[in-house]
Amino acid sequence: MDKKYLIAIGVLLIVGIVATSGCTDSSTSSASNSSQSTAPPFKITDLKVTNGGYGDYAIKGQLVPTRDIDYLEMVTVWYDSSGAVIERNSLAWNMNDLKSGQKVKFSTNDYISTDEGTPSKVELLVFDSAFAGGDDSSAIYKTTLEV
């Protein structure tokens, strides 16, 4: 790839991150039926965790934006029965240009090594800025699902 294209992509990424970093809502709710101080700009329904066997776990659901959204990404954090983190997927799912009222089905798969343990719950976090998964406090939606 030509150097000027790499530089252009880098500049666009930086501009996008800077432009969206001041626009995030924050919420710290972690209940299974998240009650948050600021409602996220979407509704999530039909959340379901499935075990496909051999360490394969999936989270499926449907998301309906209540306004146009430029970008969303999901992060999953898997815990064993002792509460220890056994897997974290910092980019489990993402999508650009979601339209208000548009139904979006999502599915994310994670592999949990049997050496790490068996998950008993998973935390699903949603962010409205790219690569925000390192700071959980900036999640605009957060819920915990039993496995």
N, C-alpha and C. Protein backbone atom coordinates (compact mmCIF):
# COMPACT_ATOMS: atom_id res chain seq x y z
N MET A 1 0.85 -1.18 0.00
CA MET A 1 0.00 0.00 0.00
C MET A 1 0.90 1.24 0.00
N ASP A 2 0.54 2.24 -0.74
CA ASP A 2 1.30 3.46 -0.88
C ASP A 2 1.35 4.23 0.45
N LYS A 3 2.49 4.86 0.75
CA LYS A 3 2.67 5.59 2.00
C LYS A 3 1.61 6.68 2.21
N LYS A 4 1.25 7.38 1.15
CA LYS A 4 0.29 8.47 1.31
C LYS A 4 -1.08 7.94 1.71
N TYR A 5 -1.45 6.72 1.29
CA TYR A 5 -2.72 6.12 1.71
C TYR A 5 -2.67 5.75 3.18
N LEU A 6 -1.55 5.21 3.64
CA LEU A 6 -1.40 4.87 5.05
C LEU A 6 -1.48 6.12 5.92
N ILE A 7 -0.84 7.18 5.48
CA ILE A 7 -0.89 8.44 6.24
C ILE A 7 -2.31 8.98 6.27
N ALA A 8 -3.01 8.93 5.14
CA ALA A 8 -4.39 9.42 5.08
C ALA A 8 -5.30 8.61 6.01
N ILE A 9 -5.13 7.29 6.01
CA ILE A 9 -5.93 6.44 6.91
C ILE A 9 -5.62 6.77 8.36
N GLY A 10 -4.36 6.96 8.69
CA GLY A 10 -3.97 7.32 10.05
C GLY A 10 -4.58 8.64 10.49
N VAL A 11 -4.55 9.63 9.63
CA VAL A 11 -5.13 10.94 9.94
C VAL A 11 -6.63 10.81 10.14
N LEU A 12 -7.30 10.06 9.28
CA LEU A 12 -8.74 9.87 9.42
C LEU A 12 -9.09 9.18 10.73
N LEU A 13 -8.31 8.17 11.11
CA LEU A 13 -8.55 7.49 12.38
C LEU A 13 -8.40 8.45 13.56
N ILE A 14 -7.35 9.23 13.55
CA ILE A 14 -7.11 10.19 14.64
C ILE A 14 -8.22 11.22 14.70
N VAL A 15 -8.60 11.78 13.55
CA VAL A 15 -9.67 12.77 13.52
C VAL A 15 -10.98 12.16 14.02
N GLY A 16 -11.27 10.93 13.60
CA GLY A 16 -12.49 10.26 14.04
C GLY A 16 -12.51 10.02 15.53
N ILE A 17 -11.39 9.58 16.09
CA ILE A 17 -11.31 9.33 17.53
C ILE A 17 -11.45 10.63 18.30
N VAL A 18 -10.75 11.68 17.88
CA VAL A 18 -10.83 12.97 18.56
C VAL A 18 -12.23 13.55 18.44
N ALA A 19 -12.84 13.44 17.27
CA ALA A 19 -14.17 14.01 17.06
C ALA A 19 -15.23 13.32 17.89
N THR A 20 -15.11 12.00 18.08
CA THR A 20 -16.13 11.28 18.84
C THR A 20 -15.85 11.22 20.32
N SER A 21 -14.63 11.49 20.75
CA SER A 21 -14.30 11.36 22.17
C SER A 21 -15.04 12.36 23.04
N GLY A 22 -15.42 13.49 22.51
CA GLY A 22 -16.17 14.46 23.29
C GLY A 22 -17.66 14.25 23.23
N CYS A 23 -18.12 13.23 22.49
CA CYS A 23 -19.56 13.04 22.28
C CYS A 23 -20.09 11.82 23.00
N THR A 24 -19.33 11.17 23.88
CA THR A 24 -19.81 9.95 24.48
C THR A 24 -20.65 10.23 25.71
N ASP A 25 -21.71 9.43 25.84
CA ASP A 25 -22.48 9.43 27.07
C ASP A 25 -21.78 8.44 27.97
N SER A 26 -21.94 8.59 29.28
CA SER A 26 -21.33 7.60 30.15
C SER A 26 -22.39 7.03 31.07
N SER A 27 -22.18 5.77 31.41
CA SER A 27 -23.10 5.08 32.29
C SER A 27 -22.33 4.03 33.04
N THR A 28 -22.70 3.78 34.27
CA THR A 28 -21.99 2.80 35.05
C THR A 28 -22.90 1.70 35.55
N SER A 29 -24.07 1.55 34.98
CA SER A 29 -24.99 0.52 35.40
C SER A 29 -24.47 -0.84 34.97
N SER A 30 -24.66 -1.86 35.82
CA SER A 30 -24.23 -3.19 35.44
C SER A 30 -25.29 -4.24 35.77
N ALA A 31 -26.49 -3.85 36.00
CA ALA A 31 -27.56 -4.80 36.28
C ALA A 31 -27.93 -5.54 35.00
N SER A 32 -28.52 -6.72 35.16
CA SER A 32 -28.91 -7.50 33.99
C SER A 32 -29.89 -6.74 33.11
N ASN A 33 -30.77 -5.98 33.69
CA ASN A 33 -31.68 -5.14 32.91
C ASN A 33 -31.26 -3.70 33.12
N SER A 34 -30.12 -3.35 32.61
CA SER A 34 -29.48 -2.05 32.79
C SER A 34 -30.44 -0.90 32.97
N SER A 35 -30.46 -0.32 34.16
CA SER A 35 -31.15 0.95 34.33
C SER A 35 -30.06 1.98 34.44
N GLN A 36 -30.02 2.89 33.51
CA GLN A 36 -28.91 3.81 33.41
C GLN A 36 -29.39 5.23 33.61
N SER A 37 -28.50 6.08 34.12
CA SER A 37 -28.86 7.47 34.34
C SER A 37 -29.11 8.20 33.02
N THR A 38 -28.39 7.85 31.99
CA THR A 38 -28.60 8.41 30.66
C THR A 38 -28.89 7.24 29.73
N ALA A 39 -30.06 7.24 29.16
CA ALA A 39 -30.44 6.12 28.29
C ALA A 39 -29.57 6.12 27.05
N PRO A 40 -29.14 4.92 26.61
CA PRO A 40 -28.35 4.84 25.37
C PRO A 40 -29.24 5.18 24.18
N PRO A 41 -28.64 5.53 23.05
CA PRO A 41 -29.41 5.91 21.86
C PRO A 41 -29.92 4.70 21.07
N PHE A 42 -30.22 3.61 21.75
CA PHE A 42 -30.72 2.40 21.10
C PHE A 42 -31.39 1.53 22.16
N LYS A 43 -32.13 0.55 21.67
CA LYS A 43 -32.72 -0.47 22.54
C LYS A 43 -32.15 -1.81 22.10
N ILE A 44 -31.75 -2.62 23.07
CA ILE A 44 -31.26 -3.96 22.79
C ILE A 44 -32.29 -4.94 23.33
N THR A 45 -32.70 -5.90 22.49
CA THR A 45 -33.66 -6.91 22.89
C THR A 45 -33.16 -8.29 22.46
N ASP A 46 -33.84 -9.29 22.95
CA ASP A 46 -33.59 -10.69 22.56
C ASP A 46 -32.15 -11.13 22.82
N LEU A 47 -31.52 -10.61 23.89
CA LEU A 47 -30.16 -11.02 24.22
C LEU A 47 -30.14 -12.47 24.66
N LYS A 48 -29.20 -13.21 24.12
CA LYS A 48 -29.12 -14.63 24.41
C LYS A 48 -27.67 -15.08 24.31
N VAL A 49 -27.23 -15.86 25.30
CA VAL A 49 -25.90 -16.46 25.28
C VAL A 49 -26.07 -17.94 24.98
N THR A 50 -25.29 -18.44 24.03
CA THR A 50 -25.35 -19.86 23.71
C THR A 50 -23.95 -20.47 23.77
N ASN A 51 -23.92 -21.73 24.17
CA ASN A 51 -22.68 -22.49 24.24
C ASN A 51 -22.69 -23.47 23.08
N GLY A 52 -21.81 -23.25 22.11
CA GLY A 52 -21.73 -24.10 20.94
C GLY A 52 -20.86 -25.33 21.15
N GLY A 53 -20.29 -25.46 22.34
CA GLY A 53 -19.41 -26.59 22.63
C GLY A 53 -17.98 -26.29 22.26
N TYR A 54 -17.07 -27.02 22.83
CA TYR A 54 -15.64 -26.92 22.55
C TYR A 54 -15.10 -25.50 22.78
N GLY A 55 -15.67 -24.78 23.75
CA GLY A 55 -15.18 -23.45 24.08
C GLY A 55 -15.76 -22.31 23.26
N ASP A 56 -16.70 -22.62 22.36
CA ASP A 56 -17.31 -21.59 21.52
C ASP A 56 -18.57 -21.05 22.18
N TYR A 57 -18.60 -19.75 22.45
CA TYR A 57 -19.75 -19.09 23.06
C TYR A 57 -20.18 -17.93 22.16
N ALA A 58 -21.48 -17.74 22.07
CA ALA A 58 -22.01 -16.67 21.22
C ALA A 58 -23.00 -15.83 22.02
N ILE A 59 -23.04 -14.56 21.68
CA ILE A 59 -24.05 -13.64 22.20
C ILE A 59 -24.80 -13.12 20.97
N LYS A 60 -26.12 -13.24 21.02
CA LYS A 60 -26.95 -12.77 19.92
C LYS A 60 -28.01 -11.84 20.47
N GLY A 61 -28.46 -10.93 19.63
CA GLY A 61 -29.52 -10.01 20.03
C GLY A 61 -29.93 -9.13 18.88
N GLN A 62 -30.81 -8.19 19.20
CA GLN A 62 -31.28 -7.23 18.21
C GLN A 62 -31.15 -5.83 18.80
N LEU A 63 -30.70 -4.91 17.99
CA LEU A 63 -30.47 -3.53 18.39
C LEU A 63 -31.30 -2.63 17.48
N VAL A 64 -32.00 -1.65 18.07
CA VAL A 64 -32.77 -0.69 17.28
C VAL A 64 -32.38 0.71 17.75
N PRO A 65 -31.68 1.49 16.92
CA PRO A 65 -31.30 2.86 17.30
C PRO A 65 -32.53 3.75 17.44
N THR A 66 -32.48 4.65 18.43
CA THR A 66 -33.55 5.64 18.60
C THR A 66 -33.19 6.95 17.91
N ARG A 67 -31.98 7.01 17.36
CA ARG A 67 -31.52 8.13 16.54
C ARG A 67 -30.43 7.60 15.63
N ASP A 68 -30.04 8.35 14.62
CA ASP A 68 -28.93 7.93 13.76
C ASP A 68 -27.65 7.87 14.59
N ILE A 69 -26.85 6.83 14.38
CA ILE A 69 -25.61 6.63 15.13
C ILE A 69 -24.49 6.38 14.12
N ASP A 70 -23.40 7.13 14.25
CA ASP A 70 -22.26 6.97 13.33
C ASP A 70 -21.53 5.65 13.51
N TYR A 71 -21.36 5.21 14.79
CA TYR A 71 -20.52 4.03 15.03
C TYR A 71 -20.87 3.42 16.38
N LEU A 72 -20.90 2.11 16.43
CA LEU A 72 -21.04 1.36 17.68
C LEU A 72 -20.08 0.19 17.66
N GLU A 73 -19.55 -0.15 18.84
CA GLU A 73 -18.77 -1.36 18.97
C GLU A 73 -19.08 -2.01 20.30
N MET A 74 -18.96 -3.34 20.34
CA MET A 74 -19.24 -4.12 21.53
C MET A 74 -17.98 -4.79 22.02
N VAL A 75 -17.90 -4.89 23.35
CA VAL A 75 -16.81 -5.57 24.03
C VAL A 75 -17.43 -6.63 24.92
N THR A 76 -16.83 -7.82 24.96
CA THR A 76 -17.31 -8.86 25.87
C THR A 76 -16.22 -9.17 26.89
N VAL A 77 -16.65 -9.38 28.14
CA VAL A 77 -15.74 -9.77 29.21
C VAL A 77 -16.37 -11.00 29.88
N TRP A 78 -15.67 -12.11 29.83
CA TRP A 78 -16.16 -13.38 30.34
C TRP A 78 -15.54 -13.65 31.71
N TYR A 79 -16.37 -14.13 32.66
CA TYR A 79 -15.94 -14.39 34.03
C TYR A 79 -16.24 -15.84 34.40
N ASP A 80 -15.37 -16.44 35.24
CA ASP A 80 -15.67 -17.77 35.76
C ASP A 80 -16.49 -17.62 37.04
N SER A 81 -16.81 -18.71 37.69
CA SER A 81 -17.68 -18.68 38.86
C SER A 81 -17.06 -17.96 40.06
N SER A 82 -15.74 -17.80 40.07
CA SER A 82 -15.09 -17.07 41.16
C SER A 82 -15.04 -15.57 40.91
N GLY A 83 -15.47 -15.14 39.72
CA GLY A 83 -15.43 -13.72 39.37
C GLY A 83 -14.17 -13.30 38.64
N ALA A 84 -13.29 -14.26 38.35
CA ALA A 84 -12.05 -13.95 37.64
C ALA A 84 -12.33 -13.79 36.14
N VAL A 85 -11.68 -12.82 35.52
CA VAL A 85 -11.79 -12.63 34.08
C VAL A 85 -11.04 -13.76 33.38
N ILE A 86 -11.73 -14.45 32.46
CA ILE A 86 -11.06 -15.53 31.73
C ILE A 86 -10.91 -15.22 30.24
N GLU A 87 -11.60 -14.19 29.76
CA GLU A 87 -11.46 -13.78 28.36
C GLU A 87 -12.03 -12.38 28.20
N ARG A 88 -11.41 -11.59 27.34
CA ARG A 88 -11.91 -10.25 27.00
C ARG A 88 -11.73 -10.06 25.50
N ASN A 89 -12.81 -9.70 24.84
CA ASN A 89 -12.75 -9.44 23.40
C ASN A 89 -13.04 -7.95 23.22
N SER A 90 -12.01 -7.19 22.92
CA SER A 90 -12.14 -5.73 22.84
C SER A 90 -12.83 -5.24 21.58
N LEU A 91 -13.07 -6.10 20.63
CA LEU A 91 -13.83 -5.71 19.44
C LEU A 91 -14.66 -6.91 19.00
N ALA A 92 -15.67 -7.22 19.82
CA ALA A 92 -16.53 -8.38 19.56
C ALA A 92 -17.45 -8.15 18.38
N TRP A 93 -17.89 -6.90 18.19
CA TRP A 93 -18.81 -6.55 17.10
C TRP A 93 -18.73 -5.05 16.89
N ASN A 94 -18.88 -4.59 15.66
CA ASN A 94 -18.97 -3.16 15.39
C ASN A 94 -19.76 -2.90 14.12
N MET A 95 -20.29 -1.68 14.00
CA MET A 95 -21.04 -1.31 12.80
C MET A 95 -21.02 0.21 12.66
N ASN A 96 -20.99 0.66 11.42
CA ASN A 96 -21.05 2.09 11.08
C ASN A 96 -22.44 2.44 10.57
N ASP A 97 -22.77 3.72 10.69
CA ASP A 97 -23.95 4.33 10.05
C ASP A 97 -25.26 3.60 10.33
N LEU A 98 -25.62 3.49 11.59
CA LEU A 98 -26.90 2.91 11.97
C LEU A 98 -27.97 3.99 11.88
N LYS A 99 -29.11 3.64 11.32
CA LYS A 99 -30.20 4.60 11.12
C LYS A 99 -31.28 4.42 12.17
N SER A 100 -31.87 5.50 12.59
CA SER A 100 -32.94 5.49 13.59
C SER A 100 -34.07 4.55 13.14
N GLY A 101 -34.48 3.67 14.04
CA GLY A 101 -35.56 2.74 13.76
C GLY A 101 -35.16 1.49 12.99
N GLN A 102 -33.93 1.44 12.49
CA GLN A 102 -33.45 0.30 11.70
C GLN A 102 -33.16 -0.88 12.64
N LYS A 103 -33.76 -2.04 12.39
CA LYS A 103 -33.49 -3.23 13.19
C LYS A 103 -32.16 -3.84 12.75
N VAL A 104 -31.28 -4.08 13.71
CA VAL A 104 -29.98 -4.65 13.42
C VAL A 104 -29.81 -5.89 14.29
N LYS A 105 -29.69 -7.06 13.65
CA LYS A 105 -29.38 -8.28 14.39
C LYS A 105 -27.87 -8.37 14.52
N PHE A 106 -27.41 -8.72 15.71
CA PHE A 106 -25.97 -8.86 15.91
C PHE A 106 -25.67 -10.21 16.54
N SER A 107 -24.47 -10.66 16.30
CA SER A 107 -23.98 -11.92 16.86
C SER A 107 -22.47 -11.80 17.00
N THR A 108 -21.99 -12.24 18.12
CA THR A 108 -20.55 -12.24 18.33
C THR A 108 -20.15 -13.58 18.93
N ASN A 109 -19.05 -14.13 18.47
CA ASN A 109 -18.55 -15.41 18.98
C ASN A 109 -17.21 -15.21 19.65
N ASP A 110 -17.06 -15.89 20.76
CA ASP A 110 -15.78 -15.88 21.47
C ASP A 110 -15.38 -17.32 21.76
N TYR A 111 -14.09 -17.57 21.73
CA TYR A 111 -13.56 -18.88 22.08
C TYR A 111 -12.93 -18.77 23.46
N ILE A 112 -13.38 -19.62 24.37
CA ILE A 112 -12.83 -19.64 25.73
C ILE A 112 -12.09 -20.97 25.88
N SER A 113 -10.79 -20.91 26.05
CA SER A 113 -9.99 -22.11 26.22
C SER A 113 -10.41 -22.84 27.49
N THR A 114 -10.55 -24.15 27.41
CA THR A 114 -10.91 -24.92 28.60
C THR A 114 -9.83 -24.83 29.66
N ASP A 115 -8.62 -24.47 29.27
CA ASP A 115 -7.54 -24.26 30.24
C ASP A 115 -7.82 -23.06 31.13
N GLU A 116 -8.57 -22.10 30.60
CA GLU A 116 -8.88 -20.87 31.35
C GLU A 116 -10.04 -21.07 32.31
N GLY A 117 -10.93 -22.01 32.02
CA GLY A 117 -12.07 -22.26 32.88
C GLY A 117 -13.37 -22.18 32.10
N THR A 118 -14.46 -22.38 32.81
CA THR A 118 -15.79 -22.34 32.22
C THR A 118 -16.45 -21.03 32.60
N PRO A 119 -16.96 -20.28 31.64
CA PRO A 119 -17.59 -19.01 31.98
C PRO A 119 -18.94 -19.23 32.69
N SER A 120 -19.22 -18.37 33.67
CA SER A 120 -20.51 -18.41 34.35
C SER A 120 -21.33 -17.16 34.03
N LYS A 121 -20.63 -16.09 33.61
CA LYS A 121 -21.33 -14.88 33.20
C LYS A 121 -20.47 -14.12 32.21
N VAL A 122 -21.14 -13.23 31.46
CA VAL A 122 -20.44 -12.40 30.49
C VAL A 122 -20.98 -10.98 30.60
N GLU A 123 -20.09 -10.04 30.56
CA GLU A 123 -20.46 -8.62 30.56
C GLU A 123 -20.40 -8.13 29.13
N LEU A 124 -21.46 -7.47 28.69
CA LEU A 124 -21.54 -6.90 27.35
C LEU A 124 -21.51 -5.39 27.49
N LEU A 125 -20.53 -4.76 26.86
CA LEU A 125 -20.39 -3.31 26.91
C LEU A 125 -20.49 -2.76 25.50
N VAL A 126 -21.16 -1.61 25.35
CA VAL A 126 -21.29 -0.98 24.04
C VAL A 126 -20.70 0.42 24.12
N PHE A 127 -19.92 0.77 23.11
CA PHE A 127 -19.25 2.07 23.03
C PHE A 127 -19.63 2.75 21.73
N ASP A 128 -19.62 4.08 21.74
CA ASP A 128 -19.92 4.82 20.50
C ASP A 128 -18.70 5.50 19.92
N SER A 129 -17.52 5.02 20.30
CA SER A 129 -16.29 5.53 19.70
C SER A 129 -15.33 4.37 19.48
N ALA A 130 -14.51 4.48 18.47
CA ALA A 130 -13.60 3.40 18.08
C ALA A 130 -12.54 3.15 19.14
N PHE A 131 -12.28 1.88 19.37
CA PHE A 131 -11.22 1.41 20.27
C PHE A 131 -11.36 1.96 21.68
N ALA A 132 -12.60 2.15 22.15
CA ALA A 132 -12.84 2.67 23.50
C ALA A 132 -12.88 1.54 24.52
N GLY A 133 -12.76 0.32 24.11
CA GLY A 133 -12.91 -0.83 24.98
C GLY A 133 -11.91 -0.95 26.11
N GLY A 134 -10.89 -0.13 26.15
CA GLY A 134 -9.92 -0.17 27.25
C GLY A 134 -10.39 0.57 28.48
N ASP A 135 -11.37 1.45 28.34
CA ASP A 135 -11.89 2.24 29.46
C ASP A 135 -13.38 1.95 29.60
N ASP A 136 -13.71 0.99 30.48
CA ASP A 136 -15.09 0.55 30.63
C ASP A 136 -16.02 1.67 31.11
N SER A 137 -15.48 2.69 31.75
CA SER A 137 -16.32 3.77 32.27
C SER A 137 -16.94 4.60 31.14
N SER A 138 -16.43 4.49 29.93
CA SER A 138 -17.00 5.25 28.82
C SER A 138 -18.06 4.46 28.04
N ALA A 139 -18.43 3.29 28.55
CA ALA A 139 -19.48 2.49 27.89
C ALA A 139 -20.81 3.23 27.98
N ILE A 140 -21.57 3.21 26.89
CA ILE A 140 -22.89 3.83 26.89
C ILE A 140 -23.98 2.81 27.21
N TYR A 141 -23.60 1.54 27.26
CA TYR A 141 -24.51 0.47 27.64
C TYR A 141 -23.69 -0.64 28.25
N LYS A 142 -24.21 -1.22 29.31
CA LYS A 142 -23.48 -2.29 30.00
C LYS A 142 -24.50 -3.21 30.65
N THR A 143 -24.36 -4.51 30.40
CA THR A 143 -25.23 -5.48 31.03
C THR A 143 -24.45 -6.76 31.26
N THR A 144 -24.92 -7.56 32.22
CA THR A 144 -24.29 -8.83 32.54
C THR A 144 -25.30 -9.93 32.29
N LEU A 145 -24.85 -10.97 31.60
CA LEU A 145 -25.70 -12.10 31.25
C LEU A 145 -25.15 -13.36 31.90
N GLU A 146 -26.04 -14.19 32.42
CA GLU A 146 -25.63 -15.48 32.97
C GLU A 146 -25.42 -16.44 31.81
N VAL A 147 -24.45 -17.33 31.94
CA VAL A 147 -24.15 -18.30 30.89
C VAL A 147 -24.82 -19.61 31.25
